[in-house]
């Protein structure tokens, strides 16, 4: 396993051996089952550990809270989701594809998508660490899609649109597919502003 692969599989609290990585994978898969069955409000680390066949104390060595566990699931999904391959010369097309891809990352899993917003907003230091890593990854994807001469302010505006839209979806105001469309329309306002006649 290369250094970059081991870092991408690293849990928030430690680097993982093969056996530890297997335990974390079992816990994240079990968390999805518990979320689907009991919802985020009913989910506990104890329930996830039992579903995974892992001691609760062991689960807590990897995840400090259920918010941390859900944030880890989202982080892993983001890393596993390749940037949309686009050779389009128009950076707007590339950015819109990237934002849509990220917005729809958990759209098909209602329990997970609802949990992600609340989890990522939590004050847990391990969540904060993952939130930073997720933000850096998303910023990098937007910047790469815009190209080497990307305006930092435009990147920040696009990040705000994305983050605000996902909070809106997480609150249940719109579906994730509706939010992906809304992100696209808002991003177009920034990338291709309507010119006054």
N, C-alpha and C. Protein backbone atom coordinates (compact mmCIF):
# COMPACT_ATOMS: atom_id res chain seq x y z
N UNK A 1 0.85 -1.17 0.00
CA UNK A 1 0.00 0.00 0.00
C UNK A 1 0.90 1.24 0.00
N UNK A 2 0.62 2.19 -0.89
CA UNK A 2 1.43 3.40 -0.98
C UNK A 2 1.12 4.32 0.19
N UNK A 3 1.97 5.32 0.37
CA UNK A 3 1.76 6.30 1.45
C UNK A 3 0.43 7.02 1.28
N UNK A 4 0.10 7.43 0.04
CA UNK A 4 -1.15 8.15 -0.16
C UNK A 4 -2.35 7.25 0.09
N UNK A 5 -2.26 5.96 -0.27
CA UNK A 5 -3.35 5.04 0.01
C UNK A 5 -3.53 4.84 1.51
N UNK A 6 -2.43 4.72 2.25
CA UNK A 6 -2.55 4.51 3.69
C UNK A 6 -3.12 5.74 4.38
N UNK A 7 -2.76 6.92 3.89
CA UNK A 7 -3.32 8.14 4.47
C UNK A 7 -4.80 8.22 4.19
N UNK A 8 -5.22 7.85 2.97
CA UNK A 8 -6.63 7.95 2.65
C UNK A 8 -7.47 6.95 3.44
N UNK A 9 -6.87 5.85 3.86
CA UNK A 9 -7.60 4.87 4.66
C UNK A 9 -7.41 5.08 6.15
N UNK A 10 -6.63 6.08 6.49
CA UNK A 10 -6.35 6.36 7.89
C UNK A 10 -7.62 6.85 8.59
N UNK A 11 -7.91 6.28 9.73
CA UNK A 11 -9.02 6.79 10.53
C UNK A 11 -8.56 8.09 11.18
N UNK A 12 -9.49 8.85 11.67
CA UNK A 12 -9.17 10.15 12.24
C UNK A 12 -8.16 10.06 13.37
N UNK A 13 -8.24 9.05 14.19
CA UNK A 13 -7.44 9.01 15.40
C UNK A 13 -6.11 8.29 15.28
N UNK A 14 -5.88 7.52 14.23
CA UNK A 14 -4.64 6.75 14.15
C UNK A 14 -4.45 6.18 12.76
N UNK A 15 -3.22 5.79 12.48
CA UNK A 15 -2.94 5.02 11.27
C UNK A 15 -3.37 3.59 11.56
N UNK A 16 -3.80 2.89 10.53
CA UNK A 16 -4.38 1.58 10.73
C UNK A 16 -3.53 0.46 10.15
N UNK A 17 -3.43 -0.62 10.91
CA UNK A 17 -2.87 -1.85 10.37
C UNK A 17 -3.98 -2.50 9.54
N UNK A 18 -3.66 -3.59 8.86
CA UNK A 18 -4.67 -4.29 8.08
C UNK A 18 -5.85 -4.74 8.91
N UNK A 19 -5.58 -5.32 10.08
CA UNK A 19 -6.65 -5.80 10.95
C UNK A 19 -7.50 -4.63 11.47
N UNK A 20 -6.84 -3.54 11.84
CA UNK A 20 -7.57 -2.37 12.32
C UNK A 20 -8.44 -1.77 11.22
N UNK A 21 -7.90 -1.72 9.99
CA UNK A 21 -8.66 -1.20 8.85
C UNK A 21 -9.91 -2.06 8.63
N UNK A 22 -9.77 -3.38 8.80
CA UNK A 22 -10.91 -4.28 8.66
C UNK A 22 -11.96 -3.97 9.73
N UNK A 23 -11.53 -3.72 10.95
CA UNK A 23 -12.45 -3.38 12.04
C UNK A 23 -13.18 -2.09 11.73
N UNK A 24 -12.47 -1.09 11.26
CA UNK A 24 -13.10 0.20 10.91
C UNK A 24 -14.09 0.00 9.77
N UNK A 25 -13.73 -0.79 8.78
CA UNK A 25 -14.66 -1.07 7.67
C UNK A 25 -15.92 -1.76 8.18
N UNK A 26 -15.76 -2.71 9.08
CA UNK A 26 -16.93 -3.40 9.65
C UNK A 26 -17.81 -2.41 10.42
N UNK A 27 -17.18 -1.53 11.16
CA UNK A 27 -17.94 -0.54 11.92
C UNK A 27 -18.69 0.43 11.00
N UNK A 28 -18.05 0.87 9.93
CA UNK A 28 -18.72 1.81 9.03
C UNK A 28 -19.88 1.12 8.29
N UNK A 29 -19.68 -0.13 7.89
CA UNK A 29 -20.77 -0.87 7.23
C UNK A 29 -21.93 -1.09 8.22
N UNK A 30 -21.59 -1.45 9.44
CA UNK A 30 -22.62 -1.67 10.46
C UNK A 30 -23.37 -0.37 10.76
N UNK A 31 -22.66 0.74 10.76
CA UNK A 31 -23.31 2.03 11.02
C UNK A 31 -24.38 2.32 9.99
N UNK A 32 -24.13 1.97 8.74
CA UNK A 32 -25.13 2.18 7.70
C UNK A 32 -26.38 1.35 7.96
N UNK A 33 -26.20 0.13 8.43
CA UNK A 33 -27.34 -0.73 8.75
C UNK A 33 -28.13 -0.16 9.93
N UNK A 34 -27.41 0.28 10.95
CA UNK A 34 -28.08 0.84 12.13
C UNK A 34 -28.80 2.14 11.76
N UNK A 35 -28.16 2.98 10.95
CA UNK A 35 -28.81 4.22 10.50
C UNK A 35 -30.10 3.92 9.76
N UNK A 36 -30.06 2.96 8.85
CA UNK A 36 -31.25 2.61 8.07
C UNK A 36 -32.36 2.06 8.97
N UNK A 37 -31.99 1.34 9.98
CA UNK A 37 -32.97 0.70 10.87
C UNK A 37 -33.49 1.65 11.95
N UNK A 38 -32.57 2.39 12.61
CA UNK A 38 -32.93 3.17 13.79
C UNK A 38 -32.86 4.68 13.61
N UNK A 39 -32.36 5.13 12.46
CA UNK A 39 -32.19 6.57 12.25
C UNK A 39 -31.01 7.10 13.06
N UNK A 40 -30.64 8.33 12.78
CA UNK A 40 -29.49 8.92 13.45
C UNK A 40 -29.78 9.12 14.94
N UNK A 41 -31.00 9.50 15.27
CA UNK A 41 -31.33 9.74 16.69
C UNK A 41 -31.25 8.45 17.50
N UNK A 42 -31.57 7.30 16.88
CA UNK A 42 -31.50 6.03 17.60
C UNK A 42 -30.16 5.34 17.53
N UNK A 43 -29.28 5.86 16.71
CA UNK A 43 -27.96 5.23 16.53
C UNK A 43 -27.06 5.53 17.73
N UNK A 44 -26.35 4.51 18.19
CA UNK A 44 -25.33 4.69 19.22
C UNK A 44 -24.10 3.89 18.82
N UNK A 45 -22.98 4.24 19.37
CA UNK A 45 -21.76 3.47 19.11
C UNK A 45 -21.94 2.04 19.61
N UNK A 46 -22.63 1.87 20.72
CA UNK A 46 -22.88 0.53 21.27
C UNK A 46 -23.67 -0.33 20.28
N UNK A 47 -24.72 0.23 19.68
CA UNK A 47 -25.51 -0.51 18.69
C UNK A 47 -24.69 -0.86 17.45
N UNK A 48 -23.89 0.10 17.01
CA UNK A 48 -23.05 -0.14 15.83
C UNK A 48 -22.03 -1.23 16.13
N UNK A 49 -21.42 -1.16 17.29
CA UNK A 49 -20.43 -2.17 17.67
C UNK A 49 -21.06 -3.56 17.72
N UNK A 50 -22.25 -3.65 18.30
CA UNK A 50 -22.94 -4.94 18.38
C UNK A 50 -23.25 -5.46 16.97
N UNK A 51 -23.71 -4.59 16.09
CA UNK A 51 -24.02 -4.98 14.71
C UNK A 51 -22.76 -5.46 13.98
N UNK A 52 -21.61 -4.85 14.30
CA UNK A 52 -20.35 -5.20 13.65
C UNK A 52 -19.67 -6.40 14.30
N UNK A 53 -20.17 -6.82 15.47
CA UNK A 53 -19.52 -7.91 16.20
C UNK A 53 -18.21 -7.47 16.83
N UNK A 54 -18.19 -6.23 17.28
CA UNK A 54 -16.99 -5.62 17.87
C UNK A 54 -17.34 -5.15 19.28
N UNK A 55 -16.41 -5.26 20.20
CA UNK A 55 -16.64 -4.75 21.55
C UNK A 55 -16.85 -3.23 21.51
N UNK A 56 -17.74 -2.74 22.34
CA UNK A 56 -18.02 -1.30 22.38
C UNK A 56 -16.75 -0.51 22.66
N UNK A 57 -15.94 -1.00 23.61
CA UNK A 57 -14.69 -0.30 23.94
C UNK A 57 -13.77 -0.22 22.71
N UNK A 58 -13.74 -1.27 21.93
CA UNK A 58 -12.93 -1.27 20.71
C UNK A 58 -13.46 -0.22 19.74
N UNK A 59 -14.77 -0.15 19.57
CA UNK A 59 -15.37 0.84 18.67
C UNK A 59 -14.99 2.25 19.10
N UNK A 60 -14.99 2.50 20.41
CA UNK A 60 -14.63 3.83 20.90
C UNK A 60 -13.15 4.15 20.72
N UNK A 61 -12.30 3.15 20.52
CA UNK A 61 -10.90 3.48 20.23
C UNK A 61 -10.75 4.08 18.84
N UNK A 62 -11.72 3.83 17.97
CA UNK A 62 -11.69 4.37 16.61
C UNK A 62 -12.57 5.59 16.44
N UNK A 63 -13.70 5.62 17.11
CA UNK A 63 -14.67 6.69 16.91
C UNK A 63 -15.12 7.26 18.26
N UNK A 64 -14.95 8.55 18.41
CA UNK A 64 -15.27 9.21 19.68
C UNK A 64 -16.77 9.41 19.88
N UNK A 65 -17.54 9.38 18.78
CA UNK A 65 -18.97 9.64 18.86
C UNK A 65 -19.64 9.13 17.59
N UNK A 66 -20.96 9.09 17.62
CA UNK A 66 -21.67 8.69 16.40
C UNK A 66 -21.48 9.74 15.31
N UNK A 67 -21.34 10.99 15.70
CA UNK A 67 -21.08 12.04 14.71
C UNK A 67 -19.75 11.80 14.02
N UNK A 68 -18.76 11.42 14.79
CA UNK A 68 -17.44 11.11 14.24
C UNK A 68 -17.54 9.95 13.25
N UNK A 69 -18.28 8.93 13.60
CA UNK A 69 -18.45 7.77 12.74
C UNK A 69 -19.13 8.14 11.43
N UNK A 70 -20.19 8.93 11.48
CA UNK A 70 -20.89 9.35 10.26
C UNK A 70 -20.01 10.26 9.41
N UNK A 71 -19.27 11.15 10.06
CA UNK A 71 -18.34 12.02 9.31
C UNK A 71 -17.28 11.18 8.61
N UNK A 72 -16.81 10.14 9.26
CA UNK A 72 -15.82 9.24 8.65
C UNK A 72 -16.41 8.53 7.43
N UNK A 73 -17.67 8.12 7.52
CA UNK A 73 -18.33 7.48 6.38
C UNK A 73 -18.38 8.45 5.20
N UNK A 74 -18.77 9.70 5.47
CA UNK A 74 -18.83 10.68 4.38
C UNK A 74 -17.44 10.93 3.79
N UNK A 75 -16.43 11.05 4.65
CA UNK A 75 -15.05 11.27 4.20
C UNK A 75 -14.61 10.14 3.28
N UNK A 76 -14.89 8.91 3.67
CA UNK A 76 -14.50 7.76 2.85
C UNK A 76 -15.26 7.75 1.52
N UNK A 77 -16.53 8.12 1.55
CA UNK A 77 -17.31 8.19 0.32
C UNK A 77 -16.73 9.24 -0.63
N UNK A 78 -16.37 10.37 -0.05
CA UNK A 78 -15.80 11.44 -0.87
C UNK A 78 -14.50 10.99 -1.52
N UNK A 79 -13.63 10.37 -0.75
CA UNK A 79 -12.36 9.90 -1.31
C UNK A 79 -12.56 8.80 -2.36
N UNK A 80 -13.57 7.96 -2.15
CA UNK A 80 -13.81 6.87 -3.09
C UNK A 80 -14.50 7.34 -4.36
N UNK A 81 -15.05 8.54 -4.32
CA UNK A 81 -15.76 9.08 -5.48
C UNK A 81 -14.79 9.85 -6.36
N UNK A 82 -14.48 9.31 -7.52
CA UNK A 82 -13.53 10.02 -8.38
C UNK A 82 -14.14 11.31 -8.91
N UNK A 83 -13.29 12.26 -9.14
CA UNK A 83 -13.75 13.49 -9.78
C UNK A 83 -14.32 13.12 -11.14
N UNK A 84 -15.41 13.76 -11.54
CA UNK A 84 -15.95 13.44 -12.86
C UNK A 84 -14.90 13.73 -13.93
N UNK A 85 -14.63 12.75 -14.73
CA UNK A 85 -13.64 12.94 -15.79
C UNK A 85 -14.26 13.84 -16.86
N UNK A 86 -13.62 14.94 -17.11
CA UNK A 86 -14.13 15.84 -18.14
C UNK A 86 -12.95 16.47 -18.86
N UNK A 87 -12.97 16.33 -20.16
CA UNK A 87 -11.97 16.98 -20.99
C UNK A 87 -12.52 18.27 -21.56
N UNK A 88 -13.70 18.66 -21.08
CA UNK A 88 -14.33 19.86 -21.62
C UNK A 88 -13.42 21.06 -21.38
N UNK A 89 -13.18 21.85 -22.40
CA UNK A 89 -12.31 23.01 -22.22
C UNK A 89 -12.94 24.11 -21.36
N UNK A 90 -14.25 24.05 -21.17
CA UNK A 90 -14.95 25.07 -20.40
C UNK A 90 -14.89 24.73 -18.91
N UNK A 91 -14.20 25.56 -18.12
CA UNK A 91 -14.10 25.26 -16.69
C UNK A 91 -15.47 25.25 -15.99
N UNK A 92 -16.43 26.00 -16.52
CA UNK A 92 -17.76 26.01 -15.91
C UNK A 92 -18.38 24.62 -15.98
N UNK A 93 -18.25 23.96 -17.11
CA UNK A 93 -18.78 22.60 -17.26
C UNK A 93 -18.10 21.67 -16.26
N UNK A 94 -16.79 21.81 -16.11
CA UNK A 94 -16.05 20.94 -15.18
C UNK A 94 -16.48 21.20 -13.73
N UNK A 95 -16.64 22.46 -13.35
CA UNK A 95 -17.04 22.80 -11.98
C UNK A 95 -18.44 22.29 -11.69
N UNK A 96 -19.37 22.49 -12.61
CA UNK A 96 -20.74 22.03 -12.39
C UNK A 96 -20.80 20.52 -12.21
N UNK A 97 -20.02 19.79 -13.00
CA UNK A 97 -19.98 18.33 -12.86
C UNK A 97 -19.42 17.94 -11.50
N UNK A 98 -18.40 18.64 -11.06
CA UNK A 98 -17.78 18.35 -9.76
C UNK A 98 -18.75 18.61 -8.62
N UNK A 99 -19.40 19.77 -8.63
CA UNK A 99 -20.33 20.13 -7.56
C UNK A 99 -21.52 19.16 -7.52
N UNK A 100 -22.04 18.79 -8.68
CA UNK A 100 -23.16 17.84 -8.74
C UNK A 100 -22.74 16.48 -8.18
N UNK A 101 -21.56 16.03 -8.55
CA UNK A 101 -21.05 14.75 -8.07
C UNK A 101 -20.97 14.75 -6.54
N UNK A 102 -20.43 15.80 -5.96
CA UNK A 102 -20.29 15.87 -4.50
C UNK A 102 -21.67 15.98 -3.83
N UNK A 103 -22.54 16.79 -4.41
CA UNK A 103 -23.87 17.00 -3.81
C UNK A 103 -24.68 15.71 -3.78
N UNK A 104 -24.47 14.84 -4.76
CA UNK A 104 -25.25 13.61 -4.86
C UNK A 104 -24.57 12.40 -4.20
N UNK A 105 -23.48 12.65 -3.52
CA UNK A 105 -22.67 11.57 -2.94
C UNK A 105 -23.46 10.61 -2.05
N UNK A 106 -24.36 11.13 -1.26
CA UNK A 106 -25.16 10.28 -0.36
C UNK A 106 -26.66 10.45 -0.61
N UNK A 107 -27.01 10.99 -1.77
CA UNK A 107 -28.41 11.31 -2.07
C UNK A 107 -29.33 10.10 -2.05
N UNK A 108 -28.83 8.95 -2.43
CA UNK A 108 -29.67 7.75 -2.52
C UNK A 108 -29.86 7.04 -1.19
N UNK A 109 -29.25 7.53 -0.14
CA UNK A 109 -29.36 6.90 1.17
C UNK A 109 -29.92 7.92 2.16
N UNK A 110 -31.23 7.92 2.29
CA UNK A 110 -31.92 8.95 3.06
C UNK A 110 -31.42 9.04 4.51
N UNK A 111 -31.26 7.92 5.17
CA UNK A 111 -30.83 7.96 6.57
C UNK A 111 -29.42 8.54 6.69
N UNK A 112 -28.53 8.15 5.80
CA UNK A 112 -27.17 8.66 5.84
C UNK A 112 -27.12 10.13 5.47
N UNK A 113 -27.83 10.51 4.42
CA UNK A 113 -27.78 11.90 3.99
C UNK A 113 -28.30 12.83 5.08
N UNK A 114 -29.34 12.42 5.78
CA UNK A 114 -29.85 13.24 6.87
C UNK A 114 -28.88 13.32 8.04
N UNK A 115 -28.15 12.24 8.28
CA UNK A 115 -27.20 12.20 9.39
C UNK A 115 -25.93 12.99 9.11
N UNK A 116 -25.51 13.04 7.86
CA UNK A 116 -24.24 13.68 7.51
C UNK A 116 -24.23 15.16 7.91
N UNK A 117 -25.29 15.88 7.59
CA UNK A 117 -25.31 17.31 7.90
C UNK A 117 -25.15 17.55 9.39
N UNK A 118 -25.96 16.87 10.19
CA UNK A 118 -25.87 17.05 11.64
C UNK A 118 -24.52 16.63 12.18
N UNK A 119 -23.99 15.54 11.66
CA UNK A 119 -22.70 15.03 12.14
C UNK A 119 -21.59 16.01 11.83
N UNK A 120 -21.56 16.53 10.62
CA UNK A 120 -20.46 17.42 10.23
C UNK A 120 -20.51 18.77 10.94
N UNK A 121 -21.65 19.12 11.48
CA UNK A 121 -21.76 20.39 12.21
C UNK A 121 -21.43 20.24 13.69
N UNK A 122 -21.14 19.02 14.13
CA UNK A 122 -20.88 18.76 15.54
C UNK A 122 -19.57 19.34 16.05
N UNK A 123 -19.48 19.57 17.36
CA UNK A 123 -18.29 20.18 17.97
C UNK A 123 -17.18 19.20 18.32
N UNK A 124 -17.40 17.91 18.13
CA UNK A 124 -16.40 16.90 18.46
C UNK A 124 -15.08 17.22 17.74
N UNK A 125 -13.94 17.25 18.45
CA UNK A 125 -12.66 17.56 17.80
C UNK A 125 -12.30 16.61 16.66
N UNK A 126 -12.70 15.35 16.76
CA UNK A 126 -12.45 14.41 15.67
C UNK A 126 -13.30 14.75 14.45
N UNK A 127 -14.52 15.23 14.67
CA UNK A 127 -15.38 15.68 13.57
C UNK A 127 -14.77 16.93 12.96
N UNK A 128 -14.30 17.83 13.80
CA UNK A 128 -13.69 19.06 13.30
C UNK A 128 -12.50 18.73 12.39
N UNK A 129 -11.70 17.76 12.80
CA UNK A 129 -10.56 17.34 11.99
C UNK A 129 -11.03 16.82 10.63
N UNK A 130 -12.04 15.98 10.62
CA UNK A 130 -12.57 15.45 9.36
C UNK A 130 -13.22 16.54 8.53
N UNK A 131 -13.93 17.45 9.19
CA UNK A 131 -14.57 18.56 8.47
C UNK A 131 -13.52 19.37 7.73
N UNK A 132 -12.37 19.57 8.36
CA UNK A 132 -11.27 20.29 7.71
C UNK A 132 -10.75 19.50 6.51
N UNK A 133 -10.55 18.22 6.69
CA UNK A 133 -10.06 17.39 5.58
C UNK A 133 -11.05 17.36 4.42
N UNK A 134 -12.34 17.25 4.75
CA UNK A 134 -13.38 17.26 3.71
C UNK A 134 -13.37 18.60 2.98
N UNK A 135 -13.28 19.68 3.74
CA UNK A 135 -13.25 21.01 3.13
C UNK A 135 -12.06 21.20 2.20
N UNK A 136 -10.90 20.71 2.62
CA UNK A 136 -9.70 20.81 1.79
C UNK A 136 -9.88 20.00 0.50
N UNK A 137 -10.45 18.81 0.62
CA UNK A 137 -10.67 17.97 -0.56
C UNK A 137 -11.64 18.64 -1.54
N UNK A 138 -12.75 19.17 -1.03
CA UNK A 138 -13.73 19.81 -1.90
C UNK A 138 -13.14 21.06 -2.54
N UNK A 139 -12.43 21.85 -1.76
CA UNK A 139 -11.77 23.05 -2.31
C UNK A 139 -10.81 22.66 -3.42
N UNK A 140 -10.03 21.62 -3.20
CA UNK A 140 -9.08 21.17 -4.22
C UNK A 140 -9.77 20.73 -5.49
N UNK A 141 -10.89 20.04 -5.34
CA UNK A 141 -11.63 19.59 -6.52
C UNK A 141 -12.18 20.77 -7.31
N UNK A 142 -12.72 21.74 -6.60
CA UNK A 142 -13.25 22.94 -7.28
C UNK A 142 -12.12 23.68 -7.97
N UNK A 143 -11.01 23.86 -7.28
CA UNK A 143 -9.87 24.58 -7.85
C UNK A 143 -9.33 23.87 -9.09
N UNK A 144 -9.20 22.55 -9.01
CA UNK A 144 -8.71 21.80 -10.19
C UNK A 144 -9.68 21.92 -11.36
N UNK A 145 -10.98 21.90 -11.06
CA UNK A 145 -11.97 22.03 -12.13
C UNK A 145 -11.92 23.41 -12.77
N UNK A 146 -11.67 24.44 -11.97
CA UNK A 146 -11.58 25.79 -12.52
C UNK A 146 -10.32 26.01 -13.33
N UNK A 147 -9.27 25.32 -12.97
CA UNK A 147 -8.01 25.46 -13.72
C UNK A 147 -6.98 26.24 -12.95
N UNK A 148 -5.78 26.34 -13.53
CA UNK A 148 -4.64 26.91 -12.81
C UNK A 148 -4.77 28.40 -12.48
N UNK A 149 -5.61 29.11 -13.19
CA UNK A 149 -5.76 30.55 -12.93
C UNK A 149 -7.00 30.86 -12.11
N UNK A 150 -7.44 29.89 -11.32
CA UNK A 150 -8.67 30.03 -10.55
C UNK A 150 -8.57 31.20 -9.57
N UNK A 151 -9.63 31.96 -9.51
CA UNK A 151 -9.75 33.09 -8.58
C UNK A 151 -10.14 32.53 -7.20
N UNK A 152 -9.35 32.81 -6.19
CA UNK A 152 -9.60 32.31 -4.83
C UNK A 152 -10.98 32.72 -4.32
N UNK A 153 -11.40 33.92 -4.64
CA UNK A 153 -12.71 34.39 -4.18
C UNK A 153 -13.84 33.58 -4.82
N UNK A 154 -13.70 33.24 -6.09
CA UNK A 154 -14.71 32.42 -6.77
C UNK A 154 -14.77 31.04 -6.12
N UNK A 155 -13.62 30.49 -5.80
CA UNK A 155 -13.59 29.18 -5.11
C UNK A 155 -14.35 29.27 -3.79
N UNK A 156 -14.11 30.33 -3.04
CA UNK A 156 -14.79 30.50 -1.75
C UNK A 156 -16.29 30.65 -1.93
N UNK A 157 -16.73 31.39 -2.94
CA UNK A 157 -18.17 31.54 -3.19
C UNK A 157 -18.80 30.20 -3.52
N UNK A 158 -18.12 29.41 -4.34
CA UNK A 158 -18.64 28.10 -4.72
C UNK A 158 -18.69 27.16 -3.51
N UNK A 159 -17.69 27.26 -2.64
CA UNK A 159 -17.71 26.46 -1.40
C UNK A 159 -18.91 26.85 -0.53
N UNK A 160 -19.18 28.15 -0.43
CA UNK A 160 -20.31 28.60 0.38
C UNK A 160 -21.64 28.14 -0.20
N UNK A 161 -21.76 28.19 -1.51
CA UNK A 161 -22.99 27.70 -2.14
C UNK A 161 -23.18 26.22 -1.83
N UNK A 162 -22.13 25.45 -2.01
CA UNK A 162 -22.20 24.02 -1.77
C UNK A 162 -22.57 23.73 -0.30
N UNK A 163 -21.84 24.34 0.63
CA UNK A 163 -22.07 24.08 2.05
C UNK A 163 -23.48 24.50 2.47
N UNK A 164 -23.91 25.68 2.05
CA UNK A 164 -25.25 26.15 2.40
C UNK A 164 -26.34 25.28 1.82
N UNK A 165 -26.14 24.84 0.60
CA UNK A 165 -27.14 23.99 -0.06
C UNK A 165 -27.25 22.65 0.65
N UNK A 166 -26.13 22.08 1.07
CA UNK A 166 -26.19 20.79 1.75
C UNK A 166 -26.81 20.90 3.13
N UNK A 167 -26.61 22.01 3.81
CA UNK A 167 -27.29 22.23 5.08
C UNK A 167 -28.80 22.29 4.83
N UNK A 168 -29.17 22.99 3.78
CA UNK A 168 -30.59 23.10 3.42
C UNK A 168 -31.19 21.71 3.13
N UNK A 169 -30.46 20.90 2.39
CA UNK A 169 -30.94 19.53 2.11
C UNK A 169 -31.00 18.71 3.40
N UNK A 170 -29.97 18.85 4.24
CA UNK A 170 -29.93 18.12 5.49
C UNK A 170 -31.07 18.48 6.43
N UNK A 171 -31.57 19.70 6.31
CA UNK A 171 -32.70 20.14 7.13
C UNK A 171 -34.03 19.66 6.54
N UNK A 172 -33.96 19.05 5.36
CA UNK A 172 -35.16 18.50 4.76
C UNK A 172 -35.97 19.47 3.92
N UNK A 173 -35.43 20.64 3.62
CA UNK A 173 -36.17 21.62 2.82
C UNK A 173 -36.31 21.20 1.36
N UNK A 174 -35.33 20.48 0.86
CA UNK A 174 -35.35 20.00 -0.52
C UNK A 174 -34.60 18.68 -0.58
N UNK A 175 -34.88 17.91 -1.60
CA UNK A 175 -34.15 16.65 -1.79
C UNK A 175 -32.74 16.96 -2.27
N UNK A 176 -31.88 15.98 -2.18
CA UNK A 176 -30.51 16.18 -2.64
C UNK A 176 -30.44 16.40 -4.15
N UNK A 177 -31.33 15.77 -4.91
CA UNK A 177 -31.31 16.01 -6.36
C UNK A 177 -31.79 17.42 -6.66
N UNK A 178 -32.78 17.91 -5.91
CA UNK A 178 -33.22 19.31 -6.08
C UNK A 178 -32.10 20.27 -5.68
N UNK A 179 -31.39 19.92 -4.62
CA UNK A 179 -30.28 20.76 -4.16
C UNK A 179 -29.16 20.78 -5.20
N UNK A 180 -28.88 19.65 -5.82
CA UNK A 180 -27.85 19.60 -6.86
C UNK A 180 -28.20 20.55 -8.00
N UNK A 181 -29.49 20.59 -8.36
CA UNK A 181 -29.93 21.52 -9.41
C UNK A 181 -29.77 22.97 -8.95
N UNK A 182 -30.12 23.22 -7.69
CA UNK A 182 -30.02 24.58 -7.15
C UNK A 182 -28.56 25.03 -7.08
N UNK A 183 -27.66 24.12 -6.69
CA UNK A 183 -26.23 24.44 -6.66
C UNK A 183 -25.77 24.83 -8.06
N UNK A 184 -26.22 24.07 -9.04
CA UNK A 184 -25.82 24.36 -10.42
C UNK A 184 -26.29 25.75 -10.85
N UNK A 185 -27.54 26.07 -10.57
CA UNK A 185 -28.05 27.40 -10.97
C UNK A 185 -27.29 28.52 -10.26
N UNK A 186 -27.02 28.34 -8.97
CA UNK A 186 -26.29 29.37 -8.22
C UNK A 186 -24.86 29.50 -8.72
N UNK A 187 -24.21 28.36 -8.98
CA UNK A 187 -22.84 28.40 -9.48
C UNK A 187 -22.77 29.09 -10.84
N UNK A 188 -23.77 28.86 -11.68
CA UNK A 188 -23.80 29.53 -12.98
C UNK A 188 -23.87 31.05 -12.84
N UNK A 189 -24.56 31.52 -11.81
CA UNK A 189 -24.64 32.97 -11.57
C UNK A 189 -23.26 33.56 -11.30
N UNK A 190 -22.42 32.77 -10.67
CA UNK A 190 -21.06 33.23 -10.36
C UNK A 190 -20.14 33.04 -11.57
N UNK A 191 -20.26 31.90 -12.20
CA UNK A 191 -19.33 31.56 -13.28
C UNK A 191 -19.68 32.22 -14.62
N UNK A 192 -20.98 32.43 -14.83
CA UNK A 192 -21.43 33.09 -16.06
C UNK A 192 -22.48 34.13 -15.67
N UNK A 193 -22.03 35.23 -15.07
CA UNK A 193 -23.00 36.23 -14.59
C UNK A 193 -23.86 36.79 -15.72
N UNK A 194 -25.11 37.07 -15.38
CA UNK A 194 -26.01 37.69 -16.36
C UNK A 194 -25.53 39.11 -16.60
N UNK A 195 -25.30 39.42 -17.84
CA UNK A 195 -24.80 40.77 -18.17
C UNK A 195 -25.99 41.70 -18.39
N UNK A 196 -25.82 42.92 -17.87
CA UNK A 196 -26.85 43.94 -18.07
C UNK A 196 -26.86 44.34 -19.54
N UNK A 197 -28.03 44.52 -20.09
CA UNK A 197 -28.17 44.90 -21.50
C UNK A 197 -27.83 46.37 -21.67
